[in-house]
Amino acid sequence: GGEAFPLPLPPAVTPAAALDVVPLGLSPTARTGRVARYALLPRHAAEDGRVSLWLHWPGSASTGAPPLRICVSLYVSRPARELVKTFGRHAATEAWLPKGDPDPWHRDAAFLGWDQRTTAAGGGPAA
């Protein structure tokens, strides 16, 4: 016996425009009696990609269980096509060592690794 674990309240997303959360229903489990399942559909990537999904379960008066609140941290990237286009533009215009450029390590013309932490101005070639 005993009371089954209560159903979760509708999830919250921060920033709200980042994800659609679609309930898929409940599935039975041996331990709690049921599991709520959701589909997470990316809509709009946050500037830094970070998204928080907040899940809430109400407390139980009959068992004395307190409310439960869980935050799941996610990373939502921009669409792959946009990422490849952005990387290609960056590699061809900023991360490129042109032929004949003076280079302290005597490298030939090439694409360079890039490290945003190397300069305060937003990145530079990785050494």
Foldseek 3Di string as FASTA:
>chain_A
DDDAFADKDDKQKVVRQFWDWAWPDWDQDPPRGIDTDIDIHGGDADPQQKMKIKIWGCADPVVRGHIDIDIDIDGHDDDPVVVVVVVVVCQVPAQWDAAPDDDPVPDGTDGADKDLPPDPVGIHGDD
